[in-house]
Amino acid sequence: MITRDDVSKTVHDIYEKITQESFEEGDMLINALHAIQDHYGNYIPLEAAEALKELTGLPLAKIYEVMTFYTMFSNRPRGKYVIRVCKSLPCHVSRGGEVLDALKNKLGVDFSETTEDGLFTLEESSCLGLCGVSPVLMVNDEAYGNLTPERVEEIIDTLVTRERSDEE
């Protein structure tokens, strides 16, 4: 179990590292939140926001505002692989619905849910900026375009296989 003191020390160490890098002051909060989220495995514990408040002097409301405004941040645990599905019109009209159905069936989850094994969290996104190769999804920072239901299953199978081989 993570204690408040452990989180505070970890956030302090992360923040010290960020401040030593050449970030503009306005970028510090977002960069610190990214580093904290990376450390905790794809989410930011609420205790970390409180520790950041103490370090930065920013109001807690400002830190929460940034954490909840940007969809890349989460204050709840997510899977190792966060799958963002584009729900914009170009993806929708190019078989995006079929791709989404195949993805939901393969994973056995809906939006904002995580698979029982903790590997995948499914999230929706407005536009991923890859309309020319729609339908599109992103797995963490990697984009996949020109998707079909079959291709989505291959992508998931590849990630599951990778995880199993890493465990051995």
C-alpha atoms as a PDB file:
ATOM      1  CA  MET A   1       0.000   0.000   0.000  1.00  0.00           C
ATOM      2  CA  ILE A   2       1.249   3.464  -0.886  1.00  0.00           C
ATOM      3  CA  THR A   3       1.528   5.830   2.068  1.00  0.00           C
ATOM      4  CA  ARG A   4       1.144   9.589   1.921  1.00  0.00           C
ATOM      5  CA  ASP A   5       4.777   9.959   3.063  1.00  0.00           C
ATOM      6  CA  ASP A   6       5.999   7.646   0.276  1.00  0.00           C
ATOM      7  CA  VAL A   7       4.058   9.639  -2.311  1.00  0.00           C
ATOM      8  CA  SER A   8       5.336  12.927  -0.912  1.00  0.00           C
ATOM      9  CA  LYS A   9       8.976  11.777  -1.081  1.00  0.00           C
ATOM     10  CA  THR A  10       8.554  10.372  -4.590  1.00  0.00           C
ATOM     11  CA  VAL A  11       6.879  13.547  -5.862  1.00  0.00           C
ATOM     12  CA  HIS A  12       9.600  15.649  -4.230  1.00  0.00           C
ATOM     13  CA  ASP A  13      12.323  13.631  -6.000  1.00  0.00           C
ATOM     14  CA  ILE A  14      10.508  13.830  -9.343  1.00  0.00           C
ATOM     15  CA  TYR A  15       9.908  17.557  -8.973  1.00  0.00           C
ATOM     16  CA  GLU A  16      13.556  18.216  -8.102  1.00  0.00           C
ATOM     17  CA  LYS A  17      14.626  16.388 -11.259  1.00  0.00           C
ATOM     18  CA  ILE A  18      12.128  18.329 -13.397  1.00  0.00           C
ATOM     19  CA  THR A  19      13.275  21.680 -11.988  1.00  0.00           C
ATOM     20  CA  GLN A  20      16.889  20.845 -12.883  1.00  0.00           C
ATOM     21  CA  GLU A  21      15.930  20.337 -16.522  1.00  0.00           C
ATOM     22  CA  SER A  22      15.499  23.299 -18.826  1.00  0.00           C
ATOM     23  CA  PHE A  23      11.716  23.622 -18.732  1.00  0.00           C
ATOM     24  CA  GLU A  24       9.879  26.916 -18.837  1.00  0.00           C
ATOM     25  CA  GLU A  25       8.056  27.620 -15.583  1.00  0.00           C
ATOM     26  CA  GLY A  26       4.695  27.207 -17.337  1.00  0.00           C
ATOM     27  CA  ASP A  27       5.673  23.706 -18.504  1.00  0.00           C
ATOM     28  CA  MET A  28       6.799  22.492 -15.092  1.00  0.00           C
ATOM     29  CA  LEU A  29       3.385  21.382 -13.849  1.00  0.00           C
ATOM     30  CA  ILE A  30       2.533  19.369 -16.952  1.00  0.00           C
ATOM     31  CA  ASN A  31       5.998  17.815 -17.103  1.00  0.00           C
ATOM     32  CA  ALA A  32       5.873  16.966 -13.404  1.00  0.00           C
ATOM     33  CA  LEU A  33       2.429  15.374 -13.833  1.00  0.00           C
ATOM     34  CA  HIS A  34       3.694  13.300 -16.777  1.00  0.00           C
ATOM     35  CA  ALA A  35       6.688  12.090 -14.757  1.00  0.00           C
ATOM     36  CA  ILE A  36       4.514  11.283 -11.729  1.00  0.00           C
ATOM     37  CA  GLN A  37       2.048   9.387 -13.897  1.00  0.00           C
ATOM     38  CA  ASP A  38       4.872   7.432 -15.530  1.00  0.00           C
ATOM     39  CA  HIS A  39       6.246   6.544 -12.110  1.00  0.00           C
ATOM     40  CA  TYR A  40       2.919   5.277 -10.761  1.00  0.00           C
ATOM     41  CA  GLY A  41       2.059   3.216 -13.839  1.00  0.00           C
ATOM     42  CA  ASN A  42      -0.386   5.317 -15.836  1.00  0.00           C
ATOM     43  CA  TYR A  43      -2.165   7.330 -13.159  1.00  0.00           C
ATOM     44  CA  ILE A  44      -1.584  10.147 -10.683  1.00  0.00           C
ATOM     45  CA  PRO A  45      -2.537   9.421  -7.081  1.00  0.00           C
ATOM     46  CA  LEU A  46      -4.505  12.286  -5.543  1.00  0.00           C
ATOM     47  CA  GLU A  47      -1.896  12.433  -2.775  1.00  0.00           C
ATOM     48  CA  ALA A  48       0.631  13.372  -5.462  1.00  0.00           C
ATOM     49  CA  ALA A  49      -1.399  16.459  -6.353  1.00  0.00           C
ATOM     50  CA  GLU A  50      -1.365  17.463  -2.705  1.00  0.00           C
ATOM     51  CA  ALA A  51       2.414  16.999  -2.565  1.00  0.00           C
ATOM     52  CA  LEU A  52       2.797  19.094  -5.738  1.00  0.00           C
ATOM     53  CA  LYS A  53       0.760  21.848  -4.113  1.00  0.00           C
ATOM     54  CA  GLU A  54       3.259  22.005  -1.260  1.00  0.00           C
ATOM     55  CA  LEU A  55       6.252  22.041  -3.623  1.00  0.00           C
ATOM     56  CA  THR A  56       4.952  24.496  -6.197  1.00  0.00           C
ATOM     57  CA  GLY A  57       2.771  26.787  -4.127  1.00  0.00           C
ATOM     58  CA  LEU A  58       0.042  26.367  -6.735  1.00  0.00           C
ATOM     59  CA  PRO A  59      -3.530  26.055  -5.513  1.00  0.00           C
ATOM     60  CA  LEU A  60      -4.753  22.472  -5.388  1.00  0.00           C
ATOM     61  CA  ALA A  61      -7.658  23.499  -7.634  1.00  0.00           C
ATOM     62  CA  LYS A  62      -5.184  24.532 -10.369  1.00  0.00           C
ATOM     63  CA  ILE A  63      -3.397  21.179 -10.196  1.00  0.00           C
ATOM     64  CA  TYR A  64      -6.713  19.286 -10.348  1.00  0.00           C
ATOM     65  CA  GLU A  65      -7.804  21.521 -13.223  1.00  0.00           C
ATOM     66  CA  VAL A  66      -4.789  20.468 -15.294  1.00  0.00           C
ATOM     67  CA  MET A  67      -5.094  16.809 -14.244  1.00  0.00           C
ATOM     68  CA  THR A  68      -8.740  16.619 -15.287  1.00  0.00           C
ATOM     69  CA  PHE A  69      -8.616  18.853 -18.372  1.00  0.00           C
ATOM     70  CA  TYR A  70      -6.062  16.815 -20.302  1.00  0.00           C
ATOM     71  CA  THR A  71      -7.291  13.328 -21.205  1.00  0.00           C
ATOM     72  CA  MET A  72      -3.726  11.985 -21.097  1.00  0.00           C
ATOM     73  CA  PHE A  73      -3.815  12.266 -17.300  1.00  0.00           C
ATOM     74  CA  SER A  74      -5.804  10.044 -14.989  1.00  0.00           C
ATOM     75  CA  ASN A  75      -6.328  10.098 -11.250  1.00  0.00           C
ATOM     76  CA  ARG A  76      -7.463   6.489 -11.194  1.00  0.00           C
ATOM     77  CA  PRO A  77      -5.379   3.407 -11.963  1.00  0.00           C
ATOM     78  CA  ARG A  78      -5.428   2.337 -15.609  1.00  0.00           C
ATOM     79  CA  GLY A  79      -4.083  -0.587 -17.556  1.00  0.00           C
ATOM     80  CA  LYS A  80      -0.524  -0.833 -18.789  1.00  0.00           C
ATOM     81  CA  TYR A  81      -1.872  -0.138 -22.273  1.00  0.00           C
ATOM     82  CA  VAL A  82      -4.302   2.759 -22.604  1.00  0.00           C
ATOM     83  CA  ILE A  83      -6.241   2.399 -25.843  1.00  0.00           C
ATOM     84  CA  ARG A  84      -7.740   5.649 -27.123  1.00  0.00           C
ATOM     85  CA  VAL A  85     -10.357   5.239 -29.822  1.00  0.00           C
ATOM     86  CA  CYS A  86     -11.152   8.139 -32.117  1.00  0.00           C
ATOM     87  CA  LYS A  87     -14.867   8.923 -32.092  1.00  0.00           C
ATOM     88  CA  SER A  88     -14.804  11.786 -34.631  1.00  0.00           C
ATOM     89  CA  LEU A  89     -16.856  11.787 -37.820  1.00  0.00           C
ATOM     90  CA  PRO A  90     -14.112  10.656 -40.263  1.00  0.00           C
ATOM     91  CA  CYS A  91     -13.398   7.583 -38.131  1.00  0.00           C
ATOM     92  CA  HIS A  92     -17.085   6.910 -37.603  1.00  0.00           C
ATOM     93  CA  VAL A  93     -17.976   6.900 -41.315  1.00  0.00           C
ATOM     94  CA  SER A  94     -15.004   4.708 -42.230  1.00  0.00           C
ATOM     95  CA  ARG A  95     -16.130   1.598 -40.301  1.00  0.00           C
ATOM     96  CA  GLY A  96     -15.098   3.015 -36.942  1.00  0.00           C
ATOM     97  CA  GLY A  97     -18.188   1.533 -35.316  1.00  0.00           C
ATOM     98  CA  GLU A  98     -17.273  -1.966 -36.481  1.00  0.00           C
ATOM     99  CA  VAL A  99     -13.713  -1.513 -35.258  1.00  0.00           C
ATOM    100  CA  LEU A 100     -14.957  -0.295 -31.885  1.00  0.00           C
ATOM    101  CA  ASP A 101     -17.357  -3.232 -31.529  1.00  0.00           C
ATOM    102  CA  ALA A 102     -14.540  -5.677 -32.320  1.00  0.00           C
ATOM    103  CA  LEU A 103     -12.276  -3.975 -29.794  1.00  0.00           C
ATOM    104  CA  LYS A 104     -14.903  -4.016 -27.033  1.00  0.00           C
ATOM    105  CA  ASN A 105     -15.676  -7.677 -27.728  1.00  0.00           C
ATOM    106  CA  LYS A 106     -12.002  -8.656 -27.771  1.00  0.00           C
ATOM    107  CA  LEU A 107     -11.234  -6.864 -24.508  1.00  0.00           C
ATOM    108  CA  GLY A 108     -14.543  -7.501 -22.764  1.00  0.00           C
ATOM    109  CA  VAL A 109     -14.709  -3.908 -21.524  1.00  0.00           C
ATOM    110  CA  ASP A 110     -16.434  -0.637 -22.367  1.00  0.00           C
ATOM    111  CA  PHE A 111     -15.099   2.914 -22.294  1.00  0.00           C
ATOM    112  CA  SER A 112     -13.422   3.931 -19.022  1.00  0.00           C
ATOM    113  CA  GLU A 113     -12.997   0.305 -17.988  1.00  0.00           C
ATOM    114  CA  THR A 114      -9.892  -1.819 -17.497  1.00  0.00           C
ATOM    115  CA  THR A 115      -9.541  -5.496 -18.321  1.00  0.00           C
ATOM    116  CA  GLU A 116      -9.452  -7.902 -15.389  1.00  0.00           C
ATOM    117  CA  ASP A 117      -5.765  -8.660 -15.989  1.00  0.00           C
ATOM    118  CA  GLY A 118      -4.943  -4.944 -15.720  1.00  0.00           C
ATOM    119  CA  LEU A 119      -3.380  -4.805 -19.169  1.00  0.00           C
ATOM    120  CA  PHE A 120      -5.834  -2.638 -21.113  1.00  0.00           C
ATOM    121  CA  THR A 121      -7.955   0.431 -20.419  1.00  0.00           C
ATOM    122  CA  LEU A 122     -10.323   1.619 -23.136  1.00  0.00           C
ATOM    123  CA  GLU A 123     -10.874   5.357 -23.543  1.00  0.00           C
ATOM    124  CA  GLU A 124     -12.579   7.467 -26.158  1.00  0.00           C
ATOM    125  CA  SER A 125     -10.972  10.455 -27.797  1.00  0.00           C
ATOM    126  CA  SER A 126     -12.470  13.218 -29.894  1.00  0.00           C
ATOM    127  CA  CYS A 127      -9.851  13.403 -32.670  1.00  0.00           C
ATOM    128  CA  LEU A 128      -6.383  11.925 -32.862  1.00  0.00           C
ATOM    129  CA  GLY A 129      -5.425  14.056 -35.867  1.00  0.00           C
ATOM    130  CA  LEU A 130      -4.977  11.125 -38.247  1.00  0.00           C
ATOM    131  CA  CYS A 131      -8.158  11.456 -40.298  1.00  0.00           C
ATOM    132  CA  GLY A 132      -6.377  10.472 -43.517  1.00  0.00           C
ATOM    133  CA  VAL A 133      -5.893   6.923 -42.211  1.00  0.00           C
ATOM    134  CA  SER A 134      -9.182   6.493 -40.349  1.00  0.00           C
ATOM    135  CA  PRO A 135     -10.409   4.627 -38.457  1.00  0.00           C
ATOM    136  CA  VAL A 136      -7.652   5.196 -35.920  1.00  0.00           C
ATOM    137  CA  LEU A 137      -6.728   4.274 -32.378  1.00  0.00           C
ATOM    138  CA  MET A 138      -3.727   4.847 -30.159  1.00  0.00           C
ATOM    139  CA  VAL A 139      -2.158   2.407 -27.738  1.00  0.00           C
ATOM    140  CA  ASN A 140      -0.235   4.562 -25.284  1.00  0.00           C
ATOM    141  CA  ASP A 141       1.802   6.735 -27.683  1.00  0.00           C
ATOM    142  CA  GLU A 142       1.617   4.508 -30.763  1.00  0.00           C
ATOM    143  CA  ALA A 143      -1.000   5.226 -33.443  1.00  0.00           C
ATOM    144  CA  TYR A 144      -2.656   2.609 -35.638  1.00  0.00           C
ATOM    145  CA  GLY A 145      -4.608   3.589 -38.741  1.00  0.00           C
ATOM    146  CA  ASN A 146      -6.624   2.047 -41.569  1.00  0.00           C
ATOM    147  CA  LEU A 147      -8.101  -0.312 -39.002  1.00  0.00           C
ATOM    148  CA  THR A 148     -10.415  -3.235 -39.581  1.00  0.00           C
ATOM    149  CA  PRO A 149     -12.021  -5.461 -36.961  1.00  0.00           C
ATOM    150  CA  GLU A 150      -9.470  -8.146 -37.837  1.00  0.00           C
ATOM    151  CA  ARG A 151      -6.518  -5.758 -37.513  1.00  0.00           C
ATOM    152  CA  VAL A 152      -7.694  -4.648 -34.060  1.00  0.00           C
ATOM    153  CA  GLU A 153      -7.720  -8.254 -32.880  1.00  0.00           C
ATOM    154  CA  GLU A 154      -4.180  -8.723 -34.253  1.00  0.00           C
ATOM    155  CA  ILE A 155      -2.956  -5.635 -32.392  1.00  0.00           C
ATOM    156  CA  ILE A 156      -4.396  -6.864 -29.087  1.00  0.00           C
ATOM    157  CA  ASP A 157      -3.070 -10.391 -29.639  1.00  0.00           C
ATOM    158  CA  THR A 158       0.415  -8.994 -30.352  1.00  0.00           C
ATOM    159  CA  LEU A 159       0.398  -6.958 -27.132  1.00  0.00           C
ATOM    160  CA  VAL A 160      -0.811  -9.913 -25.069  1.00  0.00           C
ATOM    161  CA  THR A 161       1.885 -12.137 -26.615  1.00  0.00           C
ATOM    162  CA  ARG A 162       4.520  -9.491 -25.848  1.00  0.00           C
ATOM    163  CA  GLU A 163       3.386  -9.410 -22.202  1.00  0.00           C
ATOM    164  CA  ARG A 164       3.502 -13.176 -21.887  1.00  0.00           C
ATOM    165  CA  SER A 165       7.023 -13.346 -23.354  1.00  0.00           C
ATOM    166  CA  ASP A 166       8.169 -10.559 -20.980  1.00  0.00           C
ATOM    167  CA  GLU A 167       6.917 -12.610 -18.021  1.00  0.00           C
ATOM    168  CA  GLU A 168       9.089 -15.605 -18.935  1.00  0.00           C
END
